[in-house]
PDB file of N, CA and C in Angstrom:
ATOM      1  N   MET A   1      85.273  23.379  30.745  1.00  0.00           N
ATOM      2  CA  MET A   1      85.477  24.603  31.502  1.00  0.00           C
ATOM      3  C   MET A   1      86.950  24.979  31.483  1.00  0.00           C
ATOM      4  N   SER A   2      87.203  26.236  31.390  1.00  0.00           N
ATOM      5  CA  SER A   2      88.565  26.752  31.449  1.00  0.00           C
ATOM      6  C   SER A   2      89.140  26.494  32.838  1.00  0.00           C
ATOM      7  N   ARG A   3      90.428  26.274  32.882  1.00  0.00           N
ATOM      8  CA  ARG A   3      91.085  26.060  34.177  1.00  0.00           C
ATOM      9  C   ARG A   3      91.810  27.312  34.644  1.00  0.00           C
ATOM     10  N   ARG A   4      91.392  28.419  34.110  1.00  0.00           N
ATOM     11  CA  ARG A   4      91.943  29.717  34.494  1.00  0.00           C
ATOM     12  C   ARG A   4      91.719  29.979  35.983  1.00  0.00           C
ATOM     13  N   TRP A   5      90.695  29.384  36.547  1.00  0.00           N
ATOM     14  CA  TRP A   5      90.360  29.570  37.959  1.00  0.00           C
ATOM     15  C   TRP A   5      91.516  29.191  38.879  1.00  0.00           C
ATOM     16  N   ILE A   6      92.374  28.282  38.441  1.00  0.00           N
ATOM     17  CA  ILE A   6      93.484  27.812  39.278  1.00  0.00           C
ATOM     18  C   ILE A   6      94.387  28.976  39.685  1.00  0.00           C
ATOM     19  N   GLN A   7      94.565  29.951  38.799  1.00  0.00           N
ATOM     20  CA  GLN A   7      95.425  31.099  39.089  1.00  0.00           C
ATOM     21  C   GLN A   7      94.701  32.235  39.820  1.00  0.00           C
ATOM     22  N   ASN A   8      93.421  32.090  40.056  1.00  0.00           N
ATOM     23  CA  ASN A   8      92.659  33.147  40.715  1.00  0.00           C
ATOM     24  C   ASN A   8      93.099  33.255  42.179  1.00  0.00           C
ATOM     25  N   PRO A   9      93.639  34.406  42.583  1.00  0.00           N
ATOM     26  CA  PRO A   9      94.101  34.543  43.971  1.00  0.00           C
ATOM     27  C   PRO A   9      92.958  34.625  44.988  1.00  0.00           C
ATOM     28  N   ASN A  10      91.743  34.925  44.504  1.00  0.00           N
ATOM     29  CA  ASN A  10      90.589  35.028  45.399  1.00  0.00           C
ATOM     30  C   ASN A  10      89.921  33.662  45.501  1.00  0.00           C
ATOM     31  N   ARG A  11      90.270  32.925  46.530  1.00  0.00           N
ATOM     32  CA  ARG A  11      89.749  31.567  46.682  1.00  0.00           C
ATOM     33  C   ARG A  11      88.307  31.540  47.195  1.00  0.00           C
ATOM     34  N   CYS A  12      87.724  32.714  47.386  1.00  0.00           N
ATOM     35  CA  CYS A  12      86.304  32.797  47.738  1.00  0.00           C
ATOM     36  C   CYS A  12      85.453  33.171  46.532  1.00  0.00           C
ATOM     37  N   ALA A  13      86.100  33.439  45.416  1.00  0.00           N
ATOM     38  CA  ALA A  13      85.378  33.826  44.201  1.00  0.00           C
ATOM     39  C   ALA A  13      84.564  32.640  43.682  1.00  0.00           C
ATOM     40  N   ASP A  14      83.412  32.953  43.104  1.00  0.00           N
ATOM     41  CA  ASP A  14      82.556  31.898  42.543  1.00  0.00           C
ATOM     42  C   ASP A  14      83.313  31.071  41.511  1.00  0.00           C
ATOM     43  N   GLU A  15      84.111  31.739  40.670  1.00  0.00           N
ATOM     44  CA  GLU A  15      84.882  31.038  39.638  1.00  0.00           C
ATOM     45  C   GLU A  15      85.794  29.987  40.275  1.00  0.00           C
ATOM     46  N   TYR A  16      86.465  30.347  41.345  1.00  0.00           N
ATOM     47  CA  TYR A  16      87.389  29.429  42.013  1.00  0.00           C
ATOM     48  C   TYR A  16      86.628  28.277  42.671  1.00  0.00           C
ATOM     49  N   LEU A  17      85.569  28.597  43.389  1.00  0.00           N
ATOM     50  CA  LEU A  17      84.793  27.563  44.073  1.00  0.00           C
ATOM     51  C   LEU A  17      84.126  26.612  43.077  1.00  0.00           C
ATOM     52  N   ASP A  18      83.633  27.148  41.951  1.00  0.00           N
ATOM     53  CA  ASP A  18      83.065  26.295  40.901  1.00  0.00           C
ATOM     54  C   ASP A  18      84.146  25.395  40.302  1.00  0.00           C
ATOM     55  N   GLY A  19      85.359  25.946  40.144  1.00  0.00           N
ATOM     56  CA  GLY A  19      86.477  25.157  39.625  1.00  0.00           C
ATOM     57  C   GLY A  19      86.836  24.000  40.544  1.00  0.00           C
ATOM     58  N   ILE A  20      86.825  24.259  41.843  1.00  0.00           N
ATOM     59  CA  ILE A  20      87.088  23.177  42.805  1.00  0.00           C
ATOM     60  C   ILE A  20      86.025  22.095  42.686  1.00  0.00           C
ATOM     61  N   GLU A  21      84.800  22.516  42.566  1.00  0.00           N
ATOM     62  CA  GLU A  21      83.705  21.550  42.415  1.00  0.00           C
ATOM     63  C   GLU A  21      83.896  20.714  41.152  1.00  0.00           C
ATOM     64  N   ASP A  22      84.270  21.360  40.041  1.00  0.00           N
ATOM     65  CA  ASP A  22      84.530  20.630  38.794  1.00  0.00           C
ATOM     66  C   ASP A  22      85.696  19.652  38.962  1.00  0.00           C
ATOM     67  N   PHE A  23      86.759  20.095  39.652  1.00  0.00           N
ATOM     68  CA  PHE A  23      87.904  19.217  39.878  1.00  0.00           C
ATOM     69  C   PHE A  23      87.498  18.003  40.711  1.00  0.00           C
ATOM     70  N   ILE A  24      86.768  18.224  41.786  1.00  0.00           N
ATOM     71  CA  ILE A  24      86.343  17.127  42.661  1.00  0.00           C
ATOM     72  C   ILE A  24      85.482  16.135  41.885  1.00  0.00           C
ATOM     73  N   GLU A  25      84.554  16.639  41.074  1.00  0.00           N
ATOM     74  CA  GLU A  25      83.715  15.755  40.249  1.00  0.00           C
ATOM     75  C   GLU A  25      84.566  14.971  39.261  1.00  0.00           C
ATOM     76  N   PHE A  26      85.536  15.651  38.639  1.00  0.00           N
ATOM     77  CA  PHE A  26      86.436  14.989  37.682  1.00  0.00           C
ATOM     78  C   PHE A  26      87.216  13.880  38.380  1.00  0.00           C
ATOM     79  N   ALA A  27      87.828  14.195  39.516  1.00  0.00           N
ATOM     80  CA  ALA A  27      88.642  13.212  40.244  1.00  0.00           C
ATOM     81  C   ALA A  27      87.787  12.035  40.696  1.00  0.00           C
ATOM     82  N   HIS A  28      86.582  12.303  41.156  1.00  0.00           N
ATOM     83  CA  HIS A  28      85.686  11.239  41.606  1.00  0.00           C
ATOM     84  C   HIS A  28      85.271  10.352  40.432  1.00  0.00           C
ATOM     85  N   ARG A  29      84.972  10.960  39.299  1.00  0.00           N
ATOM     86  CA  ARG A  29      84.548  10.223  38.099  1.00  0.00           C
ATOM     87  C   ARG A  29      85.676   9.358  37.543  1.00  0.00           C
ATOM     88  N   HIS A  30      86.921   9.852  37.611  1.00  0.00           N
ATOM     89  CA  HIS A  30      88.052   9.118  37.045  1.00  0.00           C
ATOM     90  C   HIS A  30      88.745   8.191  38.042  1.00  0.00           C
ATOM     91  N   ASN A  31      88.277   8.181  39.271  1.00  0.00           N
ATOM     92  CA  ASN A  31      88.823   7.299  40.305  1.00  0.00           C
ATOM     93  C   ASN A  31      87.667   6.653  41.069  1.00  0.00           C
ATOM     94  N   PRO A  32      86.821   5.899  40.352  1.00  0.00           N
ATOM     95  CA  PRO A  32      85.623   5.351  41.000  1.00  0.00           C
ATOM     96  C   PRO A  32      86.000   4.413  42.147  1.00  0.00           C
ATOM     97  N   GLY A  33      85.291   4.569  43.232  1.00  0.00           N
ATOM     98  CA  GLY A  33      85.517   3.718  44.391  1.00  0.00           C
ATOM     99  C   GLY A  33      86.663   4.161  45.283  1.00  0.00           C
ATOM    100  N   ALA A  34      87.444   5.138  44.833  1.00  0.00           N
ATOM    101  CA  ALA A  34      88.565   5.613  45.644  1.00  0.00           C
ATOM    102  C   ALA A  34      88.030   6.413  46.826  1.00  0.00           C
ATOM    103  N   THR A  35      88.571   6.138  47.989  1.00  0.00           N
ATOM    104  CA  THR A  35      88.180   6.908  49.167  1.00  0.00           C
ATOM    105  C   THR A  35      89.179   8.022  49.433  1.00  0.00           C
ATOM    106  N   ARG A  36      90.372   7.892  48.847  1.00  0.00           N
ATOM    107  CA  ARG A  36      91.413   8.910  49.015  1.00  0.00           C
ATOM    108  C   ARG A  36      92.055   9.176  47.651  1.00  0.00           C
ATOM    109  N   ILE A  37      92.369  10.429  47.406  1.00  0.00           N
ATOM    110  CA  ILE A  37      93.036  10.817  46.165  1.00  0.00           C
ATOM    111  C   ILE A  37      94.219  11.722  46.523  1.00  0.00           C
ATOM    112  N   ARG A  38      95.112  11.915  45.561  1.00  0.00           N
ATOM    113  CA  ARG A  38      96.213  12.855  45.767  1.00  0.00           C
ATOM    114  C   ARG A  38      95.645  14.251  45.954  1.00  0.00           C
ATOM    115  N   CYS A  39      96.224  14.984  46.876  1.00  0.00           N
ATOM    116  CA  CYS A  39      95.752  16.343  47.126  1.00  0.00           C
ATOM    117  C   CYS A  39      96.642  17.330  46.373  1.00  0.00           C
ATOM    118  N   PRO A  40      96.057  18.061  45.389  1.00  0.00           N
ATOM    119  CA  PRO A  40      96.845  19.002  44.594  1.00  0.00           C
ATOM    120  C   PRO A  40      96.919  20.406  45.196  1.00  0.00           C
ATOM    121  N   CYS A  41      96.717  20.517  46.499  1.00  0.00           N
ATOM    122  CA  CYS A  41      96.853  21.844  47.099  1.00  0.00           C
ATOM    123  C   CYS A  41      98.334  22.198  47.191  1.00  0.00           C
ATOM    124  N   ARG A  42      98.604  23.470  47.402  1.00  0.00           N
ATOM    125  CA  ARG A  42      99.993  23.944  47.450  1.00  0.00           C
ATOM    126  C   ARG A  42     100.784  23.318  48.586  1.00  0.00           C
ATOM    127  N   ARG A  43     100.119  22.951  49.624  1.00  0.00           N
ATOM    128  CA  ARG A  43     100.817  22.381  50.774  1.00  0.00           C
ATOM    129  C   ARG A  43     101.110  20.886  50.573  1.00  0.00           C
ATOM    130  N   CYS A  44     100.148  20.131  50.089  1.00  0.00           N
ATOM    131  CA  CYS A  44     100.329  18.677  49.893  1.00  0.00           C
ATOM    132  C   CYS A  44     101.092  18.367  48.612  1.00  0.00           C
ATOM    133  N   ASN A  45     100.943  19.230  47.596  1.00  0.00           N
ATOM    134  CA  ASN A  45     101.726  19.138  46.357  1.00  0.00           C
ATOM    135  C   ASN A  45     101.594  17.782  45.650  1.00  0.00           C
ATOM    136  N   ASN A  46     100.408  17.204  45.675  1.00  0.00           N
ATOM    137  CA  ASN A  46     100.137  15.923  45.025  1.00  0.00           C
ATOM    138  C   ASN A  46     100.959  14.770  45.602  1.00  0.00           C
ATOM    139  N   THR A  47     101.495  14.934  46.792  1.00  0.00           N
ATOM    140  CA  THR A  47     102.277  13.850  47.397  1.00  0.00           C
ATOM    141  C   THR A  47     101.505  13.112  48.479  1.00  0.00           C
ATOM    142  N   LEU A  48     100.485  13.751  49.046  1.00  0.00           N
ATOM    143  CA  LEU A  48      99.696  13.123  50.112  1.00  0.00           C
ATOM    144  C   LEU A  48      98.327  12.717  49.591  1.00  0.00           C
ATOM    145  N   PHE A  49      97.837  11.589  50.058  1.00  0.00           N
ATOM    146  CA  PHE A  49      96.506  11.119  49.714  1.00  0.00           C
ATOM    147  C   PHE A  49      95.562  11.519  50.837  1.00  0.00           C
ATOM    148  N   GLU A  50      94.440  12.150  50.455  1.00  0.00           N
ATOM    149  CA  GLU A  50      93.452  12.616  51.419  1.00  0.00           C
ATOM    150  C   GLU A  50      92.062  12.200  50.936  1.00  0.00           C
ATOM    151  N   SER A  51      91.086  12.272  51.838  1.00  0.00           N
ATOM    152  CA  SER A  51      89.703  12.024  51.420  1.00  0.00           C
ATOM    153  C   SER A  51      89.303  13.120  50.433  1.00  0.00           C
ATOM    154  N   ILE A  52      88.330  12.824  49.610  1.00  0.00           N
ATOM    155  CA  ILE A  52      87.889  13.800  48.620  1.00  0.00           C
ATOM    156  C   ILE A  52      87.371  15.064  49.308  1.00  0.00           C
ATOM    157  N   GLU A  53      86.696  14.903  50.425  1.00  0.00           N
ATOM    158  CA  GLU A  53      86.189  16.064  51.162  1.00  0.00           C
ATOM    159  C   GLU A  53      87.338  16.930  51.678  1.00  0.00           C
ATOM    160  N   THR A  54      88.389  16.271  52.198  1.00  0.00           N
ATOM    161  CA  THR A  54      89.549  17.005  52.703  1.00  0.00           C
ATOM    162  C   THR A  54      90.267  17.722  51.576  1.00  0.00           C
ATOM    163  N   VAL A  55      90.355  17.084  50.413  1.00  0.00           N
ATOM    164  CA  VAL A  55      90.992  17.728  49.259  1.00  0.00           C
ATOM    165  C   VAL A  55      90.257  19.016  48.917  1.00  0.00           C
ATOM    166  N   GLY A  56      88.931  18.975  48.885  1.00  0.00           N
ATOM    167  CA  GLY A  56      88.150  20.188  48.611  1.00  0.00           C
ATOM    168  C   GLY A  56      88.440  21.279  49.622  1.00  0.00           C
ATOM    169  N   PHE A  57      88.506  20.922  50.891  1.00  0.00           N
ATOM    170  CA  PHE A  57      88.811  21.885  51.946  1.00  0.00           C
ATOM    171  C   PHE A  57      90.218  22.460  51.763  1.00  0.00           C
ATOM    172  N   HIS A  58      91.196  21.584  51.478  1.00  0.00           N
ATOM    173  CA  HIS A  58      92.576  22.039  51.275  1.00  0.00           C
ATOM    174  C   HIS A  58      92.677  23.007  50.098  1.00  0.00           C
ATOM    175  N   LEU A  59      91.929  22.739  49.035  1.00  0.00           N
ATOM    176  CA  LEU A  59      92.001  23.611  47.862  1.00  0.00           C
ATOM    177  C   LEU A  59      91.463  25.010  48.164  1.00  0.00           C
ATOM    178  N   VAL A  60      90.476  25.090  49.025  1.00  0.00           N
ATOM    179  CA  VAL A  60      89.975  26.405  49.429  1.00  0.00           C
ATOM    180  C   VAL A  60      90.988  27.073  50.363  1.00  0.00           C
ATOM    181  N   ARG A  61      91.467  26.340  51.334  1.00  0.00           N
ATOM    182  CA  ARG A  61      92.362  26.922  52.341  1.00  0.00           C
ATOM    183  C   ARG A  61      93.751  27.241  51.780  1.00  0.00           C
ATOM    184  N   ASN A  62      94.335  26.306  51.014  1.00  0.00           N
ATOM    185  CA  ASN A  62      95.732  26.438  50.580  1.00  0.00           C
ATOM    186  C   ASN A  62      95.894  26.877  49.131  1.00  0.00           C
ATOM    187  N   GLY A  63      94.876  26.703  48.322  1.00  0.00           N
ATOM    188  CA  GLY A  63      94.986  26.975  46.889  1.00  0.00           C
ATOM    189  C   GLY A  63      95.553  25.767  46.165  1.00  0.00           C
ATOM    190  N   MET A  64      95.269  25.701  44.883  1.00  0.00           N
ATOM    191  CA  MET A  64      95.766  24.593  44.067  1.00  0.00           C
ATOM    192  C   MET A  64      97.136  24.947  43.504  1.00  0.00           C
ATOM    193  N   ILE A  65      97.957  23.940  43.281  1.00  0.00           N
ATOM    194  CA  ILE A  65      99.243  24.150  42.618  1.00  0.00           C
ATOM    195  C   ILE A  65      98.945  24.861  41.302  1.00  0.00           C
ATOM    196  N   GLU A  66      99.520  26.037  41.096  1.00  0.00           N
ATOM    197  CA  GLU A  66      99.152  26.865  39.944  1.00  0.00           C
ATOM    198  C   GLU A  66      99.547  26.253  38.606  1.00  0.00           C
ATOM    199  N   THR A  67     100.503  25.359  38.594  1.00  0.00           N
ATOM    200  CA  THR A  67     100.936  24.743  37.336  1.00  0.00           C
ATOM    201  C   THR A  67     100.211  23.428  37.048  1.00  0.00           C
ATOM    202  N   TYR A  68      99.330  23.001  37.928  1.00  0.00           N
ATOM    203  CA  TYR A  68      98.637  21.714  37.747  1.00  0.00           C
ATOM    204  C   TYR A  68      97.358  21.914  36.939  1.00  0.00           C
ATOM    205  N   SER A  69      97.546  22.141  35.636  1.00  0.00           N
ATOM    206  CA  SER A  69      96.399  22.379  34.757  1.00  0.00           C
ATOM    207  C   SER A  69      96.036  21.148  33.937  1.00  0.00           C
ATOM    208  N   ILE A  70      96.913  20.163  33.882  1.00  0.00           N
ATOM    209  CA  ILE A  70      96.595  18.866  33.280  1.00  0.00           C
ATOM    210  C   ILE A  70      96.558  17.884  34.440  1.00  0.00           C
ATOM    211  N   TRP A  71      95.393  17.363  34.730  1.00  0.00           N
ATOM    212  CA  TRP A  71      95.172  16.579  35.934  1.00  0.00           C
ATOM    213  C   TRP A  71      95.523  15.109  35.720  1.00  0.00           C
ATOM    214  N   ASN A  72      96.728  14.864  35.249  1.00  0.00           N
ATOM    215  CA  ASN A  72      97.166  13.507  34.916  1.00  0.00           C
ATOM    216  C   ASN A  72      97.229  12.598  36.140  1.00  0.00           C
ATOM    217  N   LEU A  73      97.481  13.127  37.327  1.00  0.00           N
ATOM    218  CA  LEU A  73      97.531  12.288  38.523  1.00  0.00           C
ATOM    219  C   LEU A  73      96.137  11.969  39.062  1.00  0.00           C
ATOM    220  N   HIS A  74      95.129  12.491  38.386  1.00  0.00           N
ATOM    221  CA  HIS A  74      93.747  12.245  38.786  1.00  0.00           C
ATOM    222  C   HIS A  74      92.940  11.630  37.649  1.00  0.00           C
ATOM    223  N   GLY A  75      93.639  11.105  36.642  1.00  0.00           N
ATOM    224  CA  GLY A  75      92.967  10.354  35.590  1.00  0.00           C
ATOM    225  C   GLY A  75      92.891  11.013  34.239  1.00  0.00           C
ATOM    226  N   GLU A  76      93.359  12.237  34.106  1.00  0.00           N
ATOM    227  CA  GLU A  76      93.304  12.888  32.796  1.00  0.00           C
ATOM    228  C   GLU A  76      94.383  12.310  31.890  1.00  0.00           C
ATOM    229  N   GLN A  77      93.987  11.947  30.699  1.00  0.00           N
ATOM    230  CA  GLN A  77      94.924  11.395  29.728  1.00  0.00           C
ATOM    231  C   GLN A  77      95.676  12.519  29.042  1.00  0.00           C
ATOM    232  N   VAL A  78      96.966  12.322  28.867  1.00  0.00           N
ATOM    233  CA  VAL A  78      97.802  13.323  28.226  1.00  0.00           C
ATOM    234  C   VAL A  78      98.151  12.830  26.830  1.00  0.00           C
ATOM    235  N   ASP A  79      97.927  13.686  25.844  1.00  0.00           N
ATOM    236  CA  ASP A  79      98.304  13.373  24.468  1.00  0.00           C
ATOM    237  C   ASP A  79      99.743  13.823  24.277  1.00  0.00           C
ATOM    238  N   HIS A  80     100.675  12.882  24.453  1.00  0.00           N
ATOM    239  CA  HIS A  80     102.097  13.233  24.401  1.00  0.00           C
ATOM    240  C   HIS A  80     102.518  13.771  23.042  1.00  0.00           C
ATOM    241  N   ALA A  81     101.907  13.295  21.977  1.00  0.00           N
ATOM    242  CA  ALA A  81     102.306  13.736  20.637  1.00  0.00           C
ATOM    243  C   ALA A  81     102.003  15.215  20.426  1.00  0.00           C
ATOM    244  N   SER A  82     100.863  15.672  20.925  1.00  0.00           N
ATOM    245  CA  SER A  82     100.509  17.069  20.688  1.00  0.00           C
ATOM    246  C   SER A  82     101.016  17.994  21.784  1.00  0.00           C
ATOM    247  N   SER A  83     101.376  17.443  22.957  1.00  0.00           N
ATOM    248  CA  SER A  83     101.807  18.308  24.044  1.00  0.00           C
ATOM    249  C   SER A  83     103.303  18.576  24.028  1.00  0.00           C
ATOM    250  N   SER A  84     104.031  17.854  23.203  1.00  0.00           N
ATOM    251  CA  SER A  84     105.480  18.048  23.166  1.00  0.00           C
ATOM    252  C   SER A  84     105.842  19.186  22.224  1.00  0.00           C
ATOM    253  N   ASN A  85     106.718  20.065  22.676  1.00  0.00           N
ATOM    254  CA  ASN A  85     107.205  21.142  21.828  1.00  0.00           C
ATOM    255  C   ASN A  85     108.497  20.761  21.122  1.00  0.00           C
ATOM    256  N   ALA A  86     109.017  19.587  21.425  1.00  0.00           N
ATOM    257  CA  ALA A  86     110.264  19.147  20.809  1.00  0.00           C
ATOM    258  C   ALA A  86     109.997  18.720  19.372  1.00  0.00           C
ATOM    259  N   PRO A  87     110.862  19.124  18.448  1.00  0.00           N
ATOM    260  CA  PRO A  87     110.662  18.708  17.059  1.00  0.00           C
ATOM    261  C   PRO A  87     110.950  17.223  16.900  1.00  0.00           C
ATOM    262  N   ARG A  88     110.261  16.611  15.974  1.00  0.00           N
ATOM    263  CA  ARG A  88     110.492  15.203  15.699  1.00  0.00           C
ATOM    264  C   ARG A  88     111.719  15.071  14.812  1.00  0.00           C
ATOM    265  N   VAL A  89     112.572  14.128  15.152  1.00  0.00           N
ATOM    266  CA  VAL A  89     113.794  13.898  14.387  1.00  0.00           C
ATOM    267  C   VAL A  89     113.709  12.502  13.785  1.00  0.00           C
ATOM    268  N   ASP A  90     113.737  12.421  12.454  1.00  0.00           N
ATOM    269  CA  ASP A  90     113.647  11.133  11.780  1.00  0.00           C
ATOM    270  C   ASP A  90     115.018  10.594  11.389  1.00  0.00           C
ATOM    271  N   ASN A  91     115.948  11.477  11.147  1.00  0.00           N
ATOM    272  CA  ASN A  91     117.261  11.055  10.688  1.00  0.00           C
ATOM    273  C   ASN A  91     118.276  11.321  11.799  1.00  0.00           C
ATOM    274  N   VAL A  92     118.752  10.267  12.433  1.00  0.00           N
ATOM    275  CA  VAL A  92     119.668  10.408  13.557  1.00  0.00           C
ATOM    276  C   VAL A  92     121.025   9.844  13.162  1.00  0.00           C
ATOM    277  N   GLU A  93     122.052  10.645  13.361  1.00  0.00           N
ATOM    278  CA  GLU A  93     123.415  10.205  13.081  1.00  0.00           C
ATOM    279  C   GLU A  93     123.857   9.204  14.138  1.00  0.00           C
ATOM    280  N   PRO A  94     124.632   8.189  13.762  1.00  0.00           N
ATOM    281  CA  PRO A  94     125.124   7.256  14.769  1.00  0.00           C
ATOM    282  C   PRO A  94     126.121   7.946  15.701  1.00  0.00           C
ATOM    283  N   ILE A  95     126.159   7.485  16.940  1.00  0.00           N
ATOM    284  CA  ILE A  95     127.105   8.026  17.906  1.00  0.00           C
ATOM    285  C   ILE A  95     128.473   7.425  17.612  1.00  0.00           C
ATOM    286  N   VAL A  96     129.454   8.298  17.490  1.00  0.00           N
ATOM    287  CA  VAL A  96     130.812   7.860  17.178  1.00  0.00           C
ATOM    288  C   VAL A  96     131.683   8.079  18.404  1.00  0.00           C
ATOM    289  N   ASP A  97     132.403   7.050  18.815  1.00  0.00           N
ATOM    290  CA  ASP A  97     133.313   7.157  19.945  1.00  0.00           C
ATOM    291  C   ASP A  97     134.588   7.832  19.457  1.00  0.00           C
ATOM    292  N   PRO A  98     134.969   8.990  20.031  1.00  0.00           N
ATOM    293  CA  PRO A  98     136.174   9.688  19.582  1.00  0.00           C
ATOM    294  C   PRO A  98     137.445   8.851  19.767  1.00  0.00           C
ATOM    295  N   ASN A  99     137.432   7.935  20.721  1.00  0.00           N
ATOM    296  CA  ASN A  99     138.602   7.071  20.928  1.00  0.00           C
ATOM    297  C   ASN A  99     138.821   6.151  19.738  1.00  0.00           C
ATOM    298  N   ASP A 100     137.738   5.691  19.119  1.00  0.00           N
ATOM    299  CA  ASP A 100     137.871   4.846  17.928  1.00  0.00           C
ATOM    300  C   ASP A 100     138.503   5.623  16.781  1.00  0.00           C
ATOM    301  N   GLN A 101     138.145   6.893  16.648  1.00  0.00           N
ATOM    302  CA  GLN A 101     138.718   7.720  15.588  1.00  0.00           C
ATOM    303  C   GLN A 101     140.205   7.943  15.809  1.00  0.00           C
ATOM    304  N   VAL A 102     140.616   8.181  17.054  1.00  0.00           N
ATOM    305  CA  VAL A 102     142.025   8.404  17.374  1.00  0.00           C
ATOM    306  C   VAL A 102     142.834   7.136  17.130  1.00  0.00           C
ATOM    307  N   MET A 103     142.285   5.999  17.460  1.00  0.00           N
ATOM    308  CA  MET A 103     143.001   4.731  17.286  1.00  0.00           C
ATOM    309  C   MET A 103     143.292   4.457  15.817  1.00  0.00           C
ATOM    310  N   GLY A 104     142.422   4.920  14.931  1.00  0.00           N
ATOM    311  CA  GLY A 104     142.668   4.711  13.509  1.00  0.00           C
ATOM    312  C   GLY A 104     143.748   5.597  12.968  1.00  0.00           C
ATOM    313  N   ILE A 105     144.047   6.699  13.624  1.00  0.00           N
ATOM    314  CA  ILE A 105     145.083   7.635  13.168  1.00  0.00           C
ATOM    315  C   ILE A 105     146.459   7.156  13.597  1.00  0.00           C
ATOM    316  N   ILE A 106     146.551   6.571  14.753  1.00  0.00           N
ATOM    317  CA  ILE A 106     147.858   6.187  15.302  1.00  0.00           C
ATOM    318  C   ILE A 106     148.418   4.968  14.603  1.00  0.00           C
TER     319      ILE A 106
END
């Protein structure tokens, strides 16, 4: 499912409520036996641990952090190789201390 629902300002919309349900199922599936998970609502900001039921309530009341589209704090694996926009550098010049260069001149 697309996570476009996270940016939906209408937290009563079916798309948003279905998205919360998908998130709760995902978090429960990837954290078996956990009674509390990080709450990704705008107020808790993934810093507070709440019951899964409370997290669902917070997401409706407060909305989800709009940038939290990769749920890595809830068990989603991140493919660092494909998610990085930085170019790969194979040939790296050694770091030269400028003081060493000056000492050779004097």
